[in-house]
């Protein structure tokens, strides 16, 4: 019978696998192969953690996370990649341009 630790492990692994499947389903032909590989290997690590004996179940999960991070290391080489940063603050002229407002000189 499962104790609480093993039940939590199973639930978290299944939740992670579900999320990864949703992401894989949302990917298109334009998605980079390395991104597909990252998600596929992470899914495999989670699945494998459910198959191996409980005392070594954390190893495949840790390996999957490590591979995921290693495959994305190139994107992070020069700082946070696009899509992971907050939008920059807009100054007055840029904000007026984006919102379609008039410049002070046009108000006369």
PDB file of N, CA and C in Angstrom:
ATOM      1  N   UNK A   1       0.844  -1.187   0.000  1.00  0.00           N
ATOM      2  CA  UNK A   1       0.000   0.000   0.000  1.00  0.00           C
ATOM      3  C   UNK A   1       0.884   1.244   0.000  1.00  0.00           C
ATOM      4  N   UNK A   2       0.386   2.292  -0.610  1.00  0.00           N
ATOM      5  CA  UNK A   2       1.155   3.532  -0.725  1.00  0.00           C
ATOM      6  C   UNK A   2       1.075   4.343   0.555  1.00  0.00           C
ATOM      7  N   UNK A   3       2.219   4.845   0.968  1.00  0.00           N
ATOM      8  CA  UNK A   3       2.181   5.798   2.073  1.00  0.00           C
ATOM      9  C   UNK A   3       2.030   7.201   1.469  1.00  0.00           C
ATOM     10  N   UNK A   4       1.963   8.185   2.300  1.00  0.00           N
ATOM     11  CA  UNK A   4       1.712   9.561   1.832  1.00  0.00           C
ATOM     12  C   UNK A   4       2.813  10.029   0.883  1.00  0.00           C
ATOM     13  N   UNK A   5       4.070   9.738   1.208  1.00  0.00           N
ATOM     14  CA  UNK A   5       5.186  10.163   0.358  1.00  0.00           C
ATOM     15  C   UNK A   5       5.041   9.612  -1.057  1.00  0.00           C
ATOM     16  N   UNK A   6       4.746   8.321  -1.166  1.00  0.00           N
ATOM     17  CA  UNK A   6       4.623   7.705  -2.482  1.00  0.00           C
ATOM     18  C   UNK A   6       3.387   8.198  -3.221  1.00  0.00           C
ATOM     19  N   UNK A   7       2.318   8.443  -2.511  1.00  0.00           N
ATOM     20  CA  UNK A   7       1.113   8.980  -3.130  1.00  0.00           C
ATOM     21  C   UNK A   7       1.372  10.371  -3.700  1.00  0.00           C
ATOM     22  N   UNK A   8       2.067  11.204  -2.932  1.00  0.00           N
ATOM     23  CA  UNK A   8       2.420  12.540  -3.426  1.00  0.00           C
ATOM     24  C   UNK A   8       3.311  12.429  -4.655  1.00  0.00           C
ATOM     25  N   UNK A   9       4.265  11.514  -4.617  1.00  0.00           N
ATOM     26  CA  UNK A   9       5.153  11.307  -5.770  1.00  0.00           C
ATOM     27  C   UNK A   9       4.351  10.938  -7.018  1.00  0.00           C
ATOM     28  N   UNK A  10       3.438   9.994  -6.883  1.00  0.00           N
ATOM     29  CA  UNK A  10       2.621   9.559  -8.024  1.00  0.00           C
ATOM     30  C   UNK A  10       1.772  10.712  -8.540  1.00  0.00           C
ATOM     31  N   UNK A  11       1.124  11.440  -7.654  1.00  0.00           N
ATOM     32  CA  UNK A  11       0.263  12.555  -8.080  1.00  0.00           C
ATOM     33  C   UNK A  11       1.062  13.647  -8.777  1.00  0.00           C
ATOM     34  N   UNK A  12       2.231  13.998  -8.226  1.00  0.00           N
ATOM     35  CA  UNK A  12       3.056  15.032  -8.856  1.00  0.00           C
ATOM     36  C   UNK A  12       3.591  14.576 -10.209  1.00  0.00           C
ATOM     37  N   UNK A  13       4.007  13.327 -10.293  1.00  0.00           N
ATOM     38  CA  UNK A  13       4.508  12.802 -11.569  1.00  0.00           C
ATOM     39  C   UNK A  13       3.399  12.802 -12.620  1.00  0.00           C
ATOM     40  N   UNK A  14       2.221  12.356 -12.257  1.00  0.00           N
ATOM     41  CA  UNK A  14       1.104  12.343 -13.201  1.00  0.00           C
ATOM     42  C   UNK A  14       0.702  13.756 -13.616  1.00  0.00           C
ATOM     43  N   UNK A  15       0.708  14.681 -12.672  1.00  0.00           N
ATOM     44  CA  UNK A  15       0.382  16.080 -13.008  1.00  0.00           C
ATOM     45  C   UNK A  15       1.421  16.643 -13.972  1.00  0.00           C
ATOM     46  N   UNK A  16       2.691  16.385 -13.702  1.00  0.00           N
ATOM     47  CA  UNK A  16       3.749  16.859 -14.596  1.00  0.00           C
ATOM     48  C   UNK A  16       3.634  16.254 -15.980  1.00  0.00           C
ATOM     49  N   UNK A  17       3.325  14.964 -16.045  1.00  0.00           N
ATOM     50  CA  UNK A  17       3.173  14.301 -17.342  1.00  0.00           C
ATOM     51  C   UNK A  17       1.987  14.875 -18.107  1.00  0.00           C
ATOM     52  N   UNK A  18       0.906  15.178 -17.419  1.00  0.00           N
ATOM     53  CA  UNK A  18      -0.259  15.771 -18.067  1.00  0.00           C
ATOM     54  C   UNK A  18       0.088  17.147 -18.646  1.00  0.00           C
ATOM     55  N   UNK A  19       0.787  17.956 -17.865  1.00  0.00           N
ATOM     56  CA  UNK A  19       1.179  19.293 -18.331  1.00  0.00           C
ATOM     57  C   UNK A  19       2.098  19.191 -19.539  1.00  0.00           C
ATOM     58  N   UNK A  20       3.051  18.271 -19.495  1.00  0.00           N
ATOM     59  CA  UNK A  20       3.965  18.098 -20.625  1.00  0.00           C
ATOM     60  C   UNK A  20       3.205  17.648 -21.867  1.00  0.00           C
ATOM     61  N   UNK A  21       2.262  16.728 -21.718  1.00  0.00           N
ATOM     62  CA  UNK A  21       1.455  16.307 -22.865  1.00  0.00           C
ATOM     63  C   UNK A  21       0.662  17.472 -23.448  1.00  0.00           C
ATOM     64  N   UNK A  22       0.126  18.320 -22.594  1.00  0.00           N
ATOM     65  CA  UNK A  22      -0.596  19.509 -23.078  1.00  0.00           C
ATOM     66  C   UNK A  22       0.341  20.428 -23.857  1.00  0.00           C
ATOM     67  N   UNK A  23       1.563  20.612 -23.341  1.00  0.00           N
ATOM     68  CA  UNK A  23       2.530  21.455 -24.042  1.00  0.00           C
ATOM     69  C   UNK A  23       2.928  20.832 -25.374  1.00  0.00           C
ATOM     70  N   UNK A  24       3.181  19.527 -25.390  1.00  0.00           N
ATOM     71  CA  UNK A  24       3.544  18.864 -26.645  1.00  0.00           C
ATOM     72  C   UNK A  24       2.421  18.986 -27.659  1.00  0.00           C
ATOM     73  N   UNK A  25       1.182  18.896 -27.201  1.00  0.00           N
ATOM     74  CA  UNK A  25       0.027  19.038 -28.088  1.00  0.00           C
ATOM     75  C   UNK A  25      -0.063  20.457 -28.658  1.00  0.00           C
ATOM     76  N   UNK A  26       0.370  21.443 -27.876  1.00  0.00           N
ATOM     77  CA  UNK A  26       0.288  22.838 -28.316  1.00  0.00           C
ATOM     78  C   UNK A  26       1.432  23.222 -29.249  1.00  0.00           C
ATOM     79  N   UNK A  27       2.467  22.406 -29.312  1.00  0.00           N
ATOM     80  CA  UNK A  27       3.603  22.725 -30.171  1.00  0.00           C
ATOM     81  C   UNK A  27       3.224  22.532 -31.630  1.00  0.00           C
ATOM     82  N   UNK A  28       3.870  23.316 -32.489  1.00  0.00           N
ATOM     83  CA  UNK A  28       3.601  23.231 -33.922  1.00  0.00           C
ATOM     84  C   UNK A  28       4.865  22.775 -34.640  1.00  0.00           C
ATOM     85  N   UNK A  29       4.782  22.710 -35.952  1.00  0.00           N
ATOM     86  CA  UNK A  29       5.945  22.338 -36.751  1.00  0.00           C
ATOM     87  C   UNK A  29       7.054  23.371 -36.610  1.00  0.00           C
ATOM     88  N   UNK A  30       6.702  24.585 -36.200  1.00  0.00           N
ATOM     89  CA  UNK A  30       7.693  25.642 -36.035  1.00  0.00           C
ATOM     90  C   UNK A  30       8.459  25.531 -34.715  1.00  0.00           C
ATOM     91  N   UNK A  31       8.018  24.661 -33.823  1.00  0.00           N
ATOM     92  CA  UNK A  31       8.683  24.491 -32.530  1.00  0.00           C
ATOM     93  C   UNK A  31      10.036  23.842 -32.743  1.00  0.00           C
ATOM     94  N   UNK A  32      11.063  24.393 -32.103  1.00  0.00           N
ATOM     95  CA  UNK A  32      12.417  23.859 -32.239  1.00  0.00           C
ATOM     96  C   UNK A  32      12.469  22.423 -31.738  1.00  0.00           C
ATOM     97  N   UNK A  33      13.287  21.632 -32.408  1.00  0.00           N
ATOM     98  CA  UNK A  33      13.449  20.237 -32.034  1.00  0.00           C
ATOM     99  C   UNK A  33      13.966  20.064 -30.617  1.00  0.00           C
ATOM    100  N   UNK A  34      14.863  20.961 -30.204  1.00  0.00           N
ATOM    101  CA  UNK A  34      15.424  20.842 -28.856  1.00  0.00           C
ATOM    102  C   UNK A  34      14.351  21.059 -27.796  1.00  0.00           C
ATOM    103  N   UNK A  35      13.361  21.874 -28.081  1.00  0.00           N
ATOM    104  CA  UNK A  35      12.265  22.101 -27.130  1.00  0.00           C
ATOM    105  C   UNK A  35      11.414  20.838 -27.027  1.00  0.00           C
ATOM    106  N   UNK A  36      11.139  20.208 -28.167  1.00  0.00           N
ATOM    107  CA  UNK A  36      10.407  18.939 -28.147  1.00  0.00           C
ATOM    108  C   UNK A  36      11.196  17.878 -27.383  1.00  0.00           C
ATOM    109  N   UNK A  37      12.514  17.826 -27.633  1.00  0.00           N
ATOM    110  CA  UNK A  37      13.369  16.865 -26.952  1.00  0.00           C
ATOM    111  C   UNK A  37      13.372  17.102 -25.443  1.00  0.00           C
ATOM    112  N   UNK A  38      13.469  18.363 -25.040  1.00  0.00           N
ATOM    113  CA  UNK A  38      13.436  18.696 -23.612  1.00  0.00           C
ATOM    114  C   UNK A  38      12.185  18.135 -22.954  1.00  0.00           C
ATOM    115  N   UNK A  39      11.053  18.419 -23.538  1.00  0.00           N
ATOM    116  CA  UNK A  39       9.787  17.993 -22.948  1.00  0.00           C
ATOM    117  C   UNK A  39       9.633  16.471 -23.007  1.00  0.00           C
ATOM    118  N   UNK A  40      10.067  15.862 -24.102  1.00  0.00           N
ATOM    119  CA  UNK A  40       9.984  14.405 -24.213  1.00  0.00           C
ATOM    120  C   UNK A  40      10.837  13.699 -23.170  1.00  0.00           C
ATOM    121  N   UNK A  41      12.061  14.192 -22.956  1.00  0.00           N
ATOM    122  CA  UNK A  41      12.934  13.568 -21.964  1.00  0.00           C
ATOM    123  C   UNK A  41      12.432  13.791 -20.543  1.00  0.00           C
ATOM    124  N   UNK A  42      11.881  14.970 -20.291  1.00  0.00           N
ATOM    125  CA  UNK A  42      11.319  15.218 -18.962  1.00  0.00           C
ATOM    126  C   UNK A  42      10.119  14.298 -18.713  1.00  0.00           C
ATOM    127  N   UNK A  43       9.292  14.113 -19.742  1.00  0.00           N
ATOM    128  CA  UNK A  43       8.168  13.183 -19.633  1.00  0.00           C
ATOM    129  C   UNK A  43       8.680  11.774 -19.355  1.00  0.00           C
ATOM    130  N   UNK A  44       9.720  11.362 -20.086  1.00  0.00           N
ATOM    131  CA  UNK A  44      10.282  10.020 -19.894  1.00  0.00           C
ATOM    132  C   UNK A  44      10.828   9.852 -18.477  1.00  0.00           C
ATOM    133  N   UNK A  45      11.481  10.888 -17.950  1.00  0.00           N
ATOM    134  CA  UNK A  45      11.996  10.812 -16.584  1.00  0.00           C
ATOM    135  C   UNK A  45      10.883  10.656 -15.564  1.00  0.00           C
ATOM    136  N   UNK A  46       9.799  11.396 -15.752  1.00  0.00           N
ATOM    137  CA  UNK A  46       8.658  11.276 -14.837  1.00  0.00           C
ATOM    138  C   UNK A  46       8.008   9.890 -14.941  1.00  0.00           C
ATOM    139  N   UNK A  47       7.848   9.409 -16.167  1.00  0.00           N
ATOM    140  CA  UNK A  47       7.258   8.091 -16.363  1.00  0.00           C
ATOM    141  C   UNK A  47       8.154   7.012 -15.752  1.00  0.00           C
ATOM    142  N   UNK A  48       9.443   7.113 -16.003  1.00  0.00           N
ATOM    143  CA  UNK A  48      10.383   6.121 -15.475  1.00  0.00           C
ATOM    144  C   UNK A  48      10.393   6.129 -13.952  1.00  0.00           C
ATOM    145  N   UNK A  49      10.196   7.303 -13.351  1.00  0.00           N
ATOM    146  CA  UNK A  49      10.183   7.372 -11.884  1.00  0.00           C
ATOM    147  C   UNK A  49       9.012   6.595 -11.290  1.00  0.00           C
ATOM    148  N   UNK A  50       7.989   6.344 -12.088  1.00  0.00           N
ATOM    149  CA  UNK A  50       6.840   5.565 -11.621  1.00  0.00           C
ATOM    150  C   UNK A  50       7.044   4.058 -11.805  1.00  0.00           C
ATOM    151  N   UNK A  51       8.044   3.696 -12.624  1.00  0.00           N
ATOM    152  CA  UNK A  51       8.273   2.295 -12.954  1.00  0.00           C
ATOM    153  C   UNK A  51       9.359   1.666 -12.082  1.00  0.00           C
ATOM    154  N   UNK A  52      10.382   2.432 -11.769  1.00  0.00           N
ATOM    155  CA  UNK A  52      11.514   1.892 -11.013  1.00  0.00           C
ATOM    156  C   UNK A  52      11.138   1.742  -9.534  1.00  0.00           C
ATOM    157  N   UNK A  53      11.925   0.977  -8.787  1.00  0.00           N
ATOM    158  CA  UNK A  53      11.653   0.846  -7.346  1.00  0.00           C
ATOM    159  C   UNK A  53      11.639   2.209  -6.652  1.00  0.00           C
ATOM    160  N   UNK A  54      10.810   2.326  -5.605  1.00  0.00           N
ATOM    161  CA  UNK A  54      10.605   3.598  -4.919  1.00  0.00           C
ATOM    162  C   UNK A  54      11.888   4.212  -4.386  1.00  0.00           C
ATOM    163  N   UNK A  55      12.837   3.371  -3.964  1.00  0.00           N
ATOM    164  CA  UNK A  55      14.044   3.934  -3.352  1.00  0.00           C
ATOM    165  C   UNK A  55      14.954   4.624  -4.353  1.00  0.00           C
ATOM    166  N   UNK A  56      14.752   4.423  -5.658  1.00  0.00           N
ATOM    167  CA  UNK A  56      15.555   5.115  -6.672  1.00  0.00           C
ATOM    168  C   UNK A  56      14.686   5.994  -7.580  1.00  0.00           C
ATOM    169  N   UNK A  57      13.447   6.206  -7.212  1.00  0.00           N
ATOM    170  CA  UNK A  57      12.510   6.930  -8.074  1.00  0.00           C
ATOM    171  C   UNK A  57      12.892   8.386  -8.297  1.00  0.00           C
ATOM    172  N   UNK A  58      13.595   8.987  -7.354  1.00  0.00           N
ATOM    173  CA  UNK A  58      13.963  10.399  -7.521  1.00  0.00           C
ATOM    174  C   UNK A  58      15.032  10.586  -8.594  1.00  0.00           C
ATOM    175  N   UNK A  59      15.857   9.581  -8.841  1.00  0.00           N
ATOM    176  CA  UNK A  59      16.951   9.713  -9.804  1.00  0.00           C
ATOM    177  C   UNK A  59      16.469  10.044 -11.215  1.00  0.00           C
ATOM    178  N   UNK A  60      15.458   9.352 -11.772  1.00  0.00           N
ATOM    179  CA  UNK A  60      15.009   9.713 -13.123  1.00  0.00           C
ATOM    180  C   UNK A  60      14.416  11.113 -13.198  1.00  0.00           C
ATOM    181  N   UNK A  61      13.743  11.531 -12.151  1.00  0.00           N
ATOM    182  CA  UNK A  61      13.176  12.883 -12.140  1.00  0.00           C
ATOM    183  C   UNK A  61      14.303  13.909 -12.136  1.00  0.00           C
ATOM    184  N   UNK A  62      15.279  13.710 -11.282  1.00  0.00           N
ATOM    185  CA  UNK A  62      16.419  14.630 -11.236  1.00  0.00           C
ATOM    186  C   UNK A  62      17.166  14.632 -12.564  1.00  0.00           C
ATOM    187  N   UNK A  63      17.336  13.467 -13.171  1.00  0.00           N
ATOM    188  CA  UNK A  63      18.011  13.389 -14.467  1.00  0.00           C
ATOM    189  C   UNK A  63      17.216  14.141 -15.533  1.00  0.00           C
ATOM    190  N   UNK A  64      15.897  13.996 -15.512  1.00  0.00           N
ATOM    191  CA  UNK A  64      15.061  14.703 -16.484  1.00  0.00           C
ATOM    192  C   UNK A  64      15.160  16.205 -16.339  1.00  0.00           C
ATOM    193  N   UNK A  65      15.146  16.675 -15.106  1.00  0.00           N
ATOM    194  CA  UNK A  65      15.275  18.122 -14.860  1.00  0.00           C
ATOM    195  C   UNK A  65      16.655  18.605 -15.294  1.00  0.00           C
ATOM    196  N   UNK A  66      17.703  17.846 -14.976  1.00  0.00           N
ATOM    197  CA  UNK A  66      19.057  18.224 -15.355  1.00  0.00           C
ATOM    198  C   UNK A  66      19.207  18.293 -16.873  1.00  0.00           C
ATOM    199  N   UNK A  67      18.664  17.317 -17.589  1.00  0.00           N
ATOM    200  CA  UNK A  67      18.731  17.328 -19.050  1.00  0.00           C
ATOM    201  C   UNK A  67      17.940  18.514 -19.603  1.00  0.00           C
ATOM    202  N   UNK A  68      16.771  18.767 -19.039  1.00  0.00           N
ATOM    203  CA  UNK A  68      15.954  19.901 -19.475  1.00  0.00           C
ATOM    204  C   UNK A  68      16.752  21.205 -19.351  1.00  0.00           C
ATOM    205  N   UNK A  69      17.392  21.397 -18.204  1.00  0.00           N
ATOM    206  CA  UNK A  69      18.179  22.611 -17.984  1.00  0.00           C
ATOM    207  C   UNK A  69      19.402  22.652 -18.886  1.00  0.00           C
ATOM    208  N   UNK A  70      20.056  21.524 -19.096  1.00  0.00           N
ATOM    209  CA  UNK A  70      21.251  21.484 -19.941  1.00  0.00           C
ATOM    210  C   UNK A  70      20.902  21.815 -21.390  1.00  0.00           C
ATOM    211  N   UNK A  71      19.777  21.305 -21.871  1.00  0.00           N
ATOM    212  CA  UNK A  71      19.391  21.569 -23.258  1.00  0.00           C
ATOM    213  C   UNK A  71      18.955  23.014 -23.474  1.00  0.00           C
ATOM    214  N   UNK A  72      18.589  23.700 -22.414  1.00  0.00           N
ATOM    215  CA  UNK A  72      18.197  25.106 -22.562  1.00  0.00           C
ATOM    216  C   UNK A  72      19.314  26.059 -22.163  1.00  0.00           C
ATOM    217  N   UNK A  73      20.471  25.540 -21.822  1.00  0.00           N
ATOM    218  CA  UNK A  73      21.584  26.385 -21.363  1.00  0.00           C
ATOM    219  C   UNK A  73      21.998  27.399 -22.424  1.00  0.00           C
ATOM    220  N   UNK A  74      21.963  27.013 -23.689  1.00  0.00           N
ATOM    221  CA  UNK A  74      22.374  27.931 -24.756  1.00  0.00           C
ATOM    222  C   UNK A  74      21.475  29.160 -24.811  1.00  0.00           C
ATOM    223  N   UNK A  75      20.177  28.988 -24.544  1.00  0.00           N
ATOM    224  CA  UNK A  75      19.249  30.129 -24.555  1.00  0.00           C
ATOM    225  C   UNK A  75      19.578  31.123 -23.452  1.00  0.00           C
ATOM    226  N   UNK A  76      20.157  30.646 -22.359  1.00  0.00           N
ATOM    227  CA  UNK A  76      20.428  31.479 -21.189  1.00  0.00           C
ATOM    228  C   UNK A  76      21.856  32.008 -21.164  1.00  0.00           C
ATOM    229  N   UNK A  77      22.663  31.666 -22.146  1.00  0.00           N
ATOM    230  CA  UNK A  77      24.083  32.018 -22.136  1.00  0.00           C
ATOM    231  C   UNK A  77      24.318  33.519 -21.987  1.00  0.00           C
ATOM    232  N   UNK A  78      23.497  34.332 -22.596  1.00  0.00           N
ATOM    233  CA  UNK A  78      23.687  35.788 -22.571  1.00  0.00           C
ATOM    234  C   UNK A  78      22.589  36.498 -21.795  1.00  0.00           C
ATOM    235  N   UNK A  79      22.033  35.836 -20.799  1.00  0.00           N
ATOM    236  CA  UNK A  79      20.973  36.430 -19.989  1.00  0.00           C
ATOM    237  C   UNK A  79      19.647  35.743 -20.253  1.00  0.00           C
ATOM    238  N   UNK A  80      18.618  36.266 -19.628  1.00  0.00           N
ATOM    239  CA  UNK A  80      17.285  35.676 -19.764  1.00  0.00           C
ATOM    240  C   UNK A  80      16.800  35.815 -21.211  1.00  0.00           C
ATOM    241  N   UNK A  81      16.304  34.723 -21.811  1.00  0.00           N
ATOM    242  CA  UNK A  81      15.855  34.784 -23.209  1.00  0.00           C
ATOM    243  C   UNK A  81      14.534  35.533 -23.365  1.00  0.00           C
ATOM    244  N   UNK A  82      14.254  35.896 -24.614  1.00  0.00           N
ATOM    245  CA  UNK A  82      12.979  36.554 -24.915  1.00  0.00           C
ATOM    246  C   UNK A  82      11.835  35.699 -24.416  1.00  0.00           C
ATOM    247  N   UNK A  83      10.819  36.334 -23.927  1.00  0.00           N
ATOM    248  CA  UNK A  83       9.661  35.625 -23.415  1.00  0.00           C
ATOM    249  C   UNK A  83       9.757  35.295 -21.936  1.00  0.00           C
ATOM    250  N   UNK A  84      10.905  35.580 -21.318  1.00  0.00           N
ATOM    251  CA  UNK A  84      11.053  35.295 -19.895  1.00  0.00           C
ATOM    252  C   UNK A  84      11.242  36.564 -19.077  1.00  0.00           C
ATOM    253  N   UNK A  85      11.260  37.696 -19.752  1.00  0.00           N
ATOM    254  CA  UNK A  85      11.474  38.955 -19.053  1.00  0.00           C
ATOM    255  C   UNK A  85      10.197  39.793 -19.074  1.00  0.00           C
ATOM    256  N   UNK A  86      10.100  40.698 -18.137  1.00  0.00           N
ATOM    257  CA  UNK A  86       8.967  41.613 -18.083  1.00  0.00           C
ATOM    258  C   UNK A  86       9.128  42.654 -19.188  1.00  0.00           C
ATOM    259  N   UNK A  87       8.037  43.188 -19.687  1.00  0.00           N
ATOM    260  CA  UNK A  87       8.150  44.273 -20.658  1.00  0.00           C
ATOM    261  C   UNK A  87       8.823  45.491 -20.017  1.00  0.00           C
ATOM    262  N   UNK A  88       9.595  46.206 -20.818  1.00  0.00           N
ATOM    263  CA  UNK A  88      10.264  47.402 -20.314  1.00  0.00           C
ATOM    264  C   UNK A  88       9.243  48.506 -20.062  1.00  0.00           C
ATOM    265  N   UNK A  89       9.547  49.379 -19.122  1.00  0.00           N
ATOM    266  CA  UNK A  89       8.701  50.542 -18.865  1.00  0.00           C
ATOM    267  C   UNK A  89       8.766  51.481 -20.065  1.00  0.00           C
ATOM    268  N   UNK A  90       7.635  52.050 -20.432  1.00  0.00           N
ATOM    269  CA  UNK A  90       7.597  52.994 -21.545  1.00  0.00           C
ATOM    270  C   UNK A  90       7.749  54.407 -21.017  1.00  0.00           C
ATOM    271  N   UNK A  91       8.543  55.212 -21.729  1.00  0.00           N
ATOM    272  CA  UNK A  91       8.653  56.611 -21.349  1.00  0.00           C
ATOM    273  C   UNK A  91       7.455  57.364 -21.940  1.00  0.00           C
ATOM    274  N   UNK A  92       7.344  58.649 -21.642  1.00  0.00           N
ATOM    275  CA  UNK A  92       6.198  59.451 -22.066  1.00  0.00           C
ATOM    276  C   UNK A  92       5.916  59.407 -23.558  1.00  0.00           C
ATOM    277  N   UNK A  93       6.900  59.735 -24.417  1.00  0.00           N
ATOM    278  CA  UNK A  93       6.623  59.717 -25.862  1.00  0.00           C
ATOM    279  C   UNK A  93       6.239  58.321 -26.376  1.00  0.00           C
ATOM    280  N   UNK A  94       6.905  57.299 -25.887  1.00  0.00           N
ATOM    281  CA  UNK A  94       6.585  55.947 -26.343  1.00  0.00           C
ATOM    282  C   UNK A  94       5.195  55.543 -25.871  1.00  0.00           C
ATOM    283  N   UNK A  95       4.832  55.915 -24.660  1.00  0.00           N
ATOM    284  CA  UNK A  95       3.513  55.593 -24.140  1.00  0.00           C
ATOM    285  C   UNK A  95       2.430  56.299 -24.949  1.00  0.00           C
ATOM    286  N   UNK A  96       2.663  57.562 -25.298  1.00  0.00           N
ATOM    287  CA  UNK A  96       1.686  58.277 -26.130  1.00  0.00           C
ATOM    288  C   UNK A  96       1.563  57.621 -27.496  1.00  0.00           C
ATOM    289  N   UNK A  97       2.691  57.156 -28.052  1.00  0.00           N
ATOM    290  CA  UNK A  97       2.664  56.508 -29.355  1.00  0.00           C
ATOM    291  C   UNK A  97       1.856  55.211 -29.294  1.00  0.00           C
ATOM    292  N   UNK A  98       2.081  54.408 -28.263  1.00  0.00           N
ATOM    293  CA  UNK A  98       1.393  53.131 -28.119  1.00  0.00           C
ATOM    294  C   UNK A  98      -0.093  53.344 -27.879  1.00  0.00           C
ATOM    295  N   UNK A  99      -0.438  54.325 -27.066  1.00  0.00           N
ATOM    296  CA  UNK A  99      -1.844  54.544 -26.732  1.00  0.00           C
ATOM    297  C   UNK A  99      -2.559  55.403 -27.780  1.00  0.00           C
ATOM    298  N   UNK A 100      -1.824  55.947 -28.737  1.00  0.00           N
ATOM    299  CA  UNK A 100      -2.440  56.740 -29.786  1.00  0.00           C
ATOM    300  C   UNK A 100      -2.740  58.169 -29.370  1.00  0.00           C
ATOM    301  N   UNK A 101      -2.125  58.603 -28.290  1.00  0.00           N
ATOM    302  CA  UNK A 101      -2.350  59.965 -27.814  1.00  0.00           C
ATOM    303  C   UNK A 101      -1.614  60.985 -28.659  1.00  0.00           C
ATOM    304  N   UNK A 102      -1.960  62.237 -28.467  1.00  0.00           N
ATOM    305  CA  UNK A 102      -1.322  63.302 -29.224  1.00  0.00           C
ATOM    306  C   UNK A 102      -0.147  63.855 -28.430  1.00  0.00           C
ATOM    307  N   UNK A 103       0.835  64.300 -29.166  1.00  0.00           N
ATOM    308  CA  UNK A 103       1.979  64.941 -28.528  1.00  0.00           C
ATOM    309  C   UNK A 103       1.559  66.326 -28.051  1.00  0.00           C
ATOM    310  N   UNK A 104       2.300  66.863 -27.107  1.00  0.00           N
ATOM    311  CA  UNK A 104       1.980  68.188 -26.587  1.00  0.00           C
ATOM    312  C   UNK A 104       1.936  69.233 -27.679  1.00  0.00           C
ATOM    313  N   UNK A 105       2.815  69.142 -28.678  1.00  0.00           N
ATOM    314  CA  UNK A 105       2.857  70.135 -29.757  1.00  0.00           C
ATOM    315  C   UNK A 105       1.599  70.067 -30.624  1.00  0.00           C
ATOM    316  N   UNK A 106       0.957  68.901 -30.691  1.00  0.00           N
ATOM    317  CA  UNK A 106      -0.250  68.748 -31.525  1.00  0.00           C
ATOM    318  C   UNK A 106      -1.508  69.238 -30.830  1.00  0.00           C
ATOM    319  N   UNK A 107      -1.441  69.580 -29.581  1.00  0.00           N
ATOM    320  CA  UNK A 107      -2.651  69.971 -28.825  1.00  0.00           C
ATOM    321  C   UNK A 107      -3.020  71.429 -29.012  1.00  0.00           C
ATOM    322  N   UNK A 108      -2.215  72.216 -29.626  1.00  0.00           N
ATOM    323  CA  UNK A 108      -2.485  73.658 -29.756  1.00  0.00           C
ATOM    324  C   UNK A 108      -3.540  73.965 -30.750  1.00  0.00           C
TER     325      UNK A 108
END
